[in-house]
Protein backbone atom coordinates (compact mmCIF):
# COMPACT_ATOMS: atom_id res chain seq x y z
CA UNK A 1 32.98 99.55 148.56
CA UNK A 2 34.05 97.02 151.13
CA UNK A 3 36.87 95.82 148.87
CA UNK A 4 37.99 99.37 148.15
CA UNK A 5 37.99 100.23 151.88
CA UNK A 6 40.14 97.17 152.63
CA UNK A 7 42.67 98.21 150.02
CA UNK A 8 42.84 101.71 151.48
CA UNK A 9 43.41 100.34 154.97
CA UNK A 10 46.13 98.00 153.67
CA UNK A 11 47.81 100.83 151.81
CA UNK A 12 47.69 102.97 154.95
CA UNK A 13 49.23 100.21 157.00
CA UNK A 14 52.04 99.78 154.49
CA UNK A 15 52.63 103.52 154.49
CA UNK A 16 52.94 103.51 158.27
CA UNK A 17 55.29 100.53 158.16
CA UNK A 18 57.47 101.94 155.39
CA UNK A 19 59.67 104.14 157.63
CA UNK A 20 60.44 101.18 159.88
CA UNK A 21 61.55 99.10 156.91
CA UNK A 22 63.48 102.00 155.49
CA UNK A 23 65.42 102.34 158.75
CA UNK A 24 66.55 98.71 158.72
CA UNK A 25 70.33 98.88 158.23
CA UNK A 26 72.17 97.03 155.47
CA UNK A 27 75.68 95.79 156.12
CA UNK A 28 77.96 95.00 153.21
CA UNK A 29 80.65 92.32 153.06
CA UNK A 30 83.27 92.07 150.34
CA UNK A 31 84.24 88.70 148.89
CA UNK A 32 87.36 88.44 146.72
CA UNK A 33 87.62 85.15 144.87
CA UNK A 34 88.67 83.76 141.48
CA UNK A 35 85.67 83.80 139.13
CA UNK A 36 87.75 83.53 135.96
CA UNK A 37 91.11 81.93 135.20
CA UNK A 38 92.47 78.47 135.93
CA UNK A 39 91.04 78.32 139.48
CA UNK A 40 87.63 79.76 138.59
CA UNK A 41 85.85 76.52 139.51
CA UNK A 42 86.80 77.09 143.15
CA UNK A 43 85.65 80.70 143.12
CA UNK A 44 82.33 79.75 141.54
CA UNK A 45 81.85 77.16 144.29
CA UNK A 46 82.61 79.77 146.95
CA UNK A 47 80.10 82.16 145.38
CA UNK A 48 77.39 79.49 145.29
CA UNK A 49 78.07 78.57 148.92
CA UNK A 50 77.99 82.23 149.96
CA UNK A 51 74.67 82.81 148.22
CA UNK A 52 73.15 79.73 149.86
CA UNK A 53 74.28 81.00 153.28
CA UNK A 54 73.06 84.54 152.62
CA UNK A 55 69.67 83.35 151.37
CA UNK A 56 69.20 81.20 154.47
CA UNK A 57 70.23 84.10 156.71
CA UNK A 58 67.89 86.50 154.91
CA UNK A 59 64.89 84.25 155.59
CA UNK A 60 65.57 84.20 159.32
CA UNK A 61 63.88 87.57 160.04
CA UNK A 62 66.96 89.43 161.24
CA UNK A 63 66.72 93.17 162.17
CA UNK A 64 69.19 94.06 159.43
CA UNK A 65 70.06 93.11 155.88
CA UNK A 66 73.37 91.90 154.46
CA UNK A 67 74.78 92.25 150.97
CA UNK A 68 77.86 90.47 149.65
CA UNK A 69 79.94 92.21 146.99
CA UNK A 70 81.82 89.69 144.84
CA UNK A 71 85.02 90.71 143.03
CA UNK A 72 87.05 88.51 140.68
CA UNK A 73 90.71 88.19 141.73
CA UNK A 74 91.56 85.61 139.03
CA UNK A 75 93.92 84.13 141.67
CA UNK A 76 96.32 86.94 140.83
CA UNK A 77 98.11 88.72 143.68
CA UNK A 78 98.12 92.13 141.95
CA UNK A 79 94.41 91.87 141.24
CA UNK A 80 93.82 90.78 144.83
CA UNK A 81 95.60 93.87 146.12
CA UNK A 82 93.58 96.11 143.79
CA UNK A 83 90.35 94.57 145.07
CA UNK A 84 91.50 95.00 148.67
CA UNK A 85 92.10 98.70 148.05
CA UNK A 86 88.67 99.01 146.47
CA UNK A 87 87.04 97.31 149.45
CA UNK A 88 88.80 99.39 152.10
CA UNK A 89 87.95 102.62 150.24
CA UNK A 90 84.26 101.65 150.31
CA UNK A 91 83.18 102.75 153.78
CA UNK A 92 79.98 100.69 153.56
CA UNK A 93 81.99 97.45 153.57
CA UNK A 94 82.68 96.30 157.12
CA UNK A 95 84.45 93.00 156.52
CA UNK A 96 85.85 90.80 153.76
CA UNK A 97 86.07 87.13 152.86
CA UNK A 98 88.74 85.43 150.75
CA UNK A 99 90.87 84.98 148.84
CA UNK A 100 91.29 81.39 147.62
CA UNK A 101 95.06 80.85 147.56
CA UNK A 102 97.35 81.74 150.42
CA UNK A 103 99.50 83.89 148.12
CA UNK A 104 96.65 86.17 147.01
CA UNK A 105 95.12 86.21 150.49
CA UNK A 106 98.43 87.29 152.02
CA UNK A 107 99.06 89.98 149.41
CA UNK A 108 95.62 91.48 150.02
CA UNK A 109 96.10 91.10 153.78
CA UNK A 110 98.76 93.81 153.76
CA UNK A 111 96.12 96.29 152.58
CA UNK A 112 93.56 95.09 155.12
CA UNK A 113 96.16 95.26 157.87
CA UNK A 114 96.97 98.91 157.14
CA UNK A 115 93.30 99.90 156.80
CA UNK A 116 91.98 97.94 159.78
CA UNK A 117 89.61 95.64 157.88
CA UNK A 118 88.69 92.17 159.19
CA UNK A 119 89.56 89.45 156.66
CA UNK A 120 88.37 85.85 156.93
CA UNK A 121 89.70 83.34 154.38
CA UNK A 122 88.01 80.02 153.90
CA UNK A 123 91.12 78.37 152.43
CA UNK A 124 94.33 80.34 153.10
CA UNK A 125 96.32 77.69 154.95
CA UNK A 126 99.83 79.15 154.84
CA UNK A 127 101.11 79.34 158.44
CA UNK A 128 102.09 83.00 158.05
CA UNK A 129 98.67 84.25 156.92
CA UNK A 130 97.21 84.97 160.35
CA UNK A 131 100.58 86.25 161.57
CA UNK A 132 100.25 89.31 159.32
CA UNK A 133 98.07 91.22 161.79
CA UNK A 134 95.18 90.99 164.20
CA UNK A 135 92.77 91.48 161.27
CA UNK A 136 93.37 88.09 159.61
CA UNK A 137 91.30 84.97 160.36
CA UNK A 138 90.84 81.60 158.71
CA UNK A 139 88.46 78.70 159.30
CA UNK A 140 90.51 76.01 157.54
CA UNK A 141 93.11 73.78 159.13
CA UNK A 142 96.73 74.40 158.18
CA UNK A 143 99.52 72.10 157.11
CA UNK A 144 101.07 72.71 160.53
CA UNK A 145 98.22 70.54 161.85
CA UNK A 146 97.59 68.32 158.84
CA UNK A 147 101.20 67.37 158.04
CA UNK A 148 102.06 65.86 161.45
CA UNK A 149 98.65 64.18 161.67
CA UNK A 150 99.22 62.47 158.32
CA UNK A 151 102.76 61.55 159.33
CA UNK A 152 101.35 59.84 162.44
CA UNK A 153 98.67 58.09 160.39
CA UNK A 154 101.10 56.77 157.79
CA UNK A 155 103.63 55.71 160.42
CA UNK A 156 100.90 53.79 162.25
CA UNK A 157 100.30 51.78 159.06
CA UNK A 158 103.91 50.62 159.06
CA UNK A 159 105.23 52.95 156.38
CA UNK A 160 108.88 53.79 156.95
CA UNK A 161 110.01 54.93 153.47
CA UNK A 162 107.80 57.55 151.82
CA UNK A 163 107.98 59.58 148.61
CA UNK A 164 106.53 63.10 148.63
CA UNK A 165 105.10 65.08 145.70
CA UNK A 166 103.39 68.48 145.85
CA UNK A 167 102.52 71.40 143.63
CA UNK A 168 105.06 74.22 143.30
CA UNK A 169 103.44 76.94 145.39
CA UNK A 170 103.69 78.42 148.87
CA UNK A 171 101.01 76.00 149.95
CA UNK A 172 102.73 73.03 148.34
CA UNK A 173 105.97 73.87 150.09
CA UNK A 174 104.21 73.84 153.46
CA UNK A 175 102.66 70.47 152.60
CA UNK A 176 106.14 69.07 152.09
CA UNK A 177 107.92 70.75 154.99
CA UNK A 178 105.39 69.99 157.75
CA UNK A 179 104.92 66.36 156.70
CA UNK A 180 108.60 65.64 156.07
CA UNK A 181 109.76 67.19 159.35
CA UNK A 182 107.23 65.16 161.34
CA UNK A 183 107.90 61.93 159.46
CA UNK A 184 111.67 62.20 159.78
CA UNK A 185 111.32 62.99 163.48
CA UNK A 186 109.80 59.53 163.89
CA UNK A 187 112.77 57.95 162.14
CA UNK A 188 111.14 57.75 158.72
CA UNK A 189 112.94 58.15 155.40
CA UNK A 190 111.84 60.36 152.49
CA UNK A 191 113.10 58.63 149.35
CA UNK A 192 111.96 61.24 146.79
CA UNK A 193 110.68 64.80 147.12
CA UNK A 194 109.26 66.31 143.91
CA UNK A 195 107.49 69.57 143.10
CA UNK A 196 105.36 70.15 139.98
CA UNK A 197 103.54 73.07 138.37
CA UNK A 198 99.76 73.02 138.70
CA UNK A 199 98.09 71.67 135.58
CA UNK A 200 100.92 69.26 134.71
CA UNK A 201 99.69 66.95 131.94
CA UNK A 202 102.27 64.19 132.31
CA UNK A 203 103.19 62.85 135.77
CA UNK A 204 104.69 59.66 134.37
CA UNK A 205 108.37 60.70 134.61
CA UNK A 206 107.83 61.59 138.28
CA UNK A 207 105.91 58.38 138.95
CA UNK A 208 108.65 56.33 137.29
CA UNK A 209 111.29 58.06 139.42
CA UNK A 210 109.28 57.40 142.58
CA UNK A 211 108.66 53.75 141.70
CA UNK A 212 112.40 53.15 141.20
CA UNK A 213 113.01 54.06 144.84
CA UNK A 214 110.40 51.53 146.07
CA UNK A 215 108.78 53.64 148.80
CA UNK A 216 106.17 52.13 151.11
CA UNK A 217 103.71 54.92 150.24
CA UNK A 218 103.40 58.32 148.55
CA UNK A 219 102.30 61.51 150.30
CA UNK A 220 100.79 64.08 147.92
CA UNK A 221 99.93 67.77 147.96
CA UNK A 222 97.57 68.46 145.07
CA UNK A 223 94.06 69.61 144.22
CA UNK A 224 91.55 67.35 142.53
CA UNK A 225 92.44 68.11 138.89
CA UNK A 226 96.10 67.20 139.33
CA UNK A 227 95.17 64.43 141.73
CA UNK A 228 92.94 62.72 139.19
CA UNK A 229 95.65 62.94 136.53
CA UNK A 230 98.27 61.55 138.91
CA UNK A 231 96.10 58.63 140.00
CA UNK A 232 95.13 57.68 136.45
CA UNK A 233 98.74 57.70 135.32
CA UNK A 234 99.76 55.65 138.37
CA UNK A 235 97.39 52.92 137.17
CA UNK A 236 98.55 53.27 133.55
CA UNK A 237 102.10 52.53 134.69
CA UNK A 238 101.01 49.68 136.95
CA UNK A 239 102.27 51.46 140.08
CA UNK A 240 100.49 49.99 143.10
CA UNK A 241 102.07 52.18 145.80
CA UNK A 242 99.54 53.40 148.42
CA UNK A 243 98.69 57.11 148.08
CA UNK A 244 97.83 59.52 150.89
CA UNK A 245 96.85 63.16 150.42
CA UNK A 246 95.78 66.33 152.19
CA UNK A 247 92.26 67.68 152.54
CA UNK A 248 92.84 69.83 149.43
CA UNK A 249 92.29 66.73 147.28
CA UNK A 250 88.88 66.11 148.76
CA UNK A 251 86.38 66.81 145.99
CA UNK A 252 83.86 64.56 144.29
CA UNK A 253 85.30 65.72 140.97
CA UNK A 254 88.49 63.81 141.75
CA UNK A 255 86.46 60.61 141.64
CA UNK A 256 84.46 61.78 138.62
CA UNK A 257 87.69 62.40 136.68
CA UNK A 258 89.76 59.46 137.90
CA UNK A 259 86.99 56.90 138.19
CA UNK A 260 88.03 53.56 139.67
CA UNK A 261 91.68 54.66 139.52
CA UNK A 262 90.99 56.82 142.60
CA UNK A 263 89.99 53.83 144.72
CA UNK A 264 92.25 53.29 147.71
CA UNK A 265 93.54 56.84 148.06
CA UNK A 266 93.41 58.04 151.67
CA UNK A 267 93.18 61.61 152.92
CA UNK A 268 92.22 63.84 155.79
CA UNK A 269 89.16 66.10 155.65
CA UNK A 270 86.99 68.36 157.79
CA UNK A 271 83.81 67.66 155.80
CA UNK A 272 82.09 64.56 154.45
CA UNK A 273 78.69 64.93 152.72
CA UNK A 274 77.48 61.61 154.11
CA UNK A 275 77.75 62.97 157.66
CA UNK A 276 74.19 62.50 159.05
CA UNK A 277 74.27 65.73 161.12
CA UNK A 278 71.19 67.86 160.37
CA UNK A 279 73.12 71.01 159.42
CA UNK A 280 75.36 69.04 157.07
CA UNK A 281 72.41 67.42 155.31
CA UNK A 282 70.62 70.78 155.05
CA UNK A 283 73.67 72.24 153.28
CA UNK A 284 74.11 69.16 151.06
CA UNK A 285 70.45 69.37 149.98
CA UNK A 286 70.69 73.08 149.22
CA UNK A 287 73.93 72.56 147.29
CA UNK A 288 72.51 69.71 145.22
CA UNK A 289 69.41 71.76 144.44
CA UNK A 290 71.58 74.63 143.24
CA UNK A 291 74.36 72.76 141.39
CA UNK A 292 73.03 69.23 140.82
CA UNK A 293 76.29 67.98 142.36
CA UNK A 294 77.58 66.83 145.72
CA UNK A 295 79.56 69.46 147.65
CA UNK A 296 83.25 69.05 148.41
CA UNK A 297 85.22 70.39 151.32
CA UNK A 298 86.01 73.82 149.84
CA UNK A 299 82.36 74.84 149.26
CA UNK A 300 81.67 73.65 152.80
CA UNK A 301 84.56 75.79 154.09
CA UNK A 302 83.16 78.82 152.25
CA UNK A 303 79.65 78.17 153.57
CA UNK A 304 80.98 78.08 157.12
CA UNK A 305 83.16 81.18 156.61
CA UNK A 306 80.18 83.22 155.43
CA UNK A 307 78.01 81.99 158.30
CA UNK A 308 80.75 82.76 160.84
CA UNK A 309 80.95 86.29 159.44
CA UNK A 310 77.14 86.68 159.53
CA UNK A 311 77.00 85.44 163.12
CA UNK A 312 79.69 87.96 164.11
CA UNK A 313 77.72 90.71 162.37
CA UNK A 314 74.64 89.75 164.34
CA UNK A 315 76.53 89.91 167.62
CA UNK A 316 78.00 93.31 166.70
CA UNK A 317 74.64 94.77 165.63
CA UNK A 318 73.52 97.56 166.06
CA UNK A 319 76.99 99.06 166.55
CA UNK A 320 78.72 97.47 163.59
CA UNK A 321 82.12 98.85 162.66
CA UNK A 322 85.15 97.16 161.18
CA UNK A 323 86.68 97.09 164.65
CA UNK A 324 83.59 95.70 166.39
CA UNK A 325 83.17 93.05 163.68
CA UNK A 326 86.81 92.02 164.11
CA UNK A 327 86.29 91.70 167.85
CA UNK A 328 83.18 89.57 167.38
CA UNK A 329 84.98 87.31 164.90
CA UNK A 330 87.73 86.85 167.49
CA UNK A 331 85.04 85.91 170.03
CA UNK A 332 83.76 83.00 167.87
CA UNK A 333 83.39 79.93 170.07
CA UNK A 334 82.12 76.50 169.05
CA UNK A 335 80.41 77.79 165.92
CA UNK A 336 78.36 74.78 164.69
CA UNK A 337 79.52 74.62 161.09
CA UNK A 338 79.22 71.86 158.51
CA UNK A 339 82.99 71.40 158.73
CA UNK A 340 82.76 70.92 162.47
CA UNK A 341 82.71 73.29 165.42
CA UNK A 342 84.97 76.32 164.98
CA UNK A 343 86.62 78.28 167.78
CA UNK A 344 89.24 80.92 167.06
CA UNK A 345 92.19 80.80 169.42
CA UNK A 346 94.25 83.79 170.52
CA UNK A 347 96.12 83.72 167.19
CA UNK A 348 92.86 83.59 165.19
CA UNK A 349 93.54 80.00 164.18
CA UNK A 350 90.59 77.58 164.06
CA UNK A 351 90.50 74.66 166.45
CA UNK A 352 88.98 72.00 164.21
CA UNK A 353 88.93 68.21 164.10
CA UNK A 354 90.18 66.38 161.00
CA UNK A 355 88.56 63.14 159.85
CA UNK A 356 90.15 60.28 157.95
CA UNK A 357 88.64 59.03 154.70
CA UNK A 358 89.35 56.63 151.84
CA UNK A 359 88.02 56.52 148.29
CA UNK A 360 86.05 53.31 148.13
CA UNK A 361 83.52 52.31 145.50
CA UNK A 362 83.25 55.83 144.11
CA UNK A 363 82.73 57.65 147.42
CA UNK A 364 84.84 59.16 150.18
CA UNK A 365 84.17 56.71 152.98
CA UNK A 366 85.05 57.64 156.58
CA UNK A 367 87.74 55.61 158.34
CA UNK A 368 87.46 55.03 162.08
CA UNK A 369 90.39 56.61 163.95
């Protein structure tokens, strides 16, 4: 009887508590990202990072719940626009994350602009992205910051003649223009400027052309797949020219694919997994437990983007609307992310600090400034 009475009391308590739980609001966020196609590996990383962030947030005992709706853009602008229309038509969705590339992010941004939907991209670095409207945000540095910083870095090493190679895309063009303008302004010479299509199998004709001009160094705009191929073929041809790159090349897979041929490459980054900060190591541990790999910069960017959005939701609660969420995103100050502290300026650009790193002995080792 005693056991039965306890069960009845427990059931009664749950019944009394049920309305309170039922009244707990659920906010929904859309996330457009490539889950299939030739950039699917990035989208899958973003999804994993988002789920890690959401799981951590859900365990924190917040007075509301959050759901993330993932939609596959395939890195296609038309698909990105279709997803954007779907998200804005869903009145339960109060904000969106993504897309991966600047081109898809900017195409979708036109829909979000017209509908008044806050959009935060973890990787859209084209300078014009946040200029589209007050609804666009990003938490990644742009080539407007990275190009001049790398020009300064390479100039300080005594390089005066530099070759430049980048992928043929809007992003790749900004890599070239911002670096070249800054480097030439110092009196530097660009001996060769080459663009290539992503996924190029044979870089050797370009490498041969570059080597003929005898530059002091090469500045590159590529992601890890192309970067690994380029570095391997540099070694195959016996080219010993120093290579610098942007933060887009930062991924442990570059080293996994290129092996020792990656040693010596230098780049800028906002995230290094060997950073001893507690929040960084918490994320690295969670990522390794989920993927059995070490996280690169892009998963870290996605993790921070989701957490920035969740923090803005929490500040806007209980009066969460698309407008109030936008305003709280704009109010983000010194958010303690794994890619460094993030503050959005008046143009919704992130004020972030870039680190210098070099591939050394199979790891991205930090370089003192």
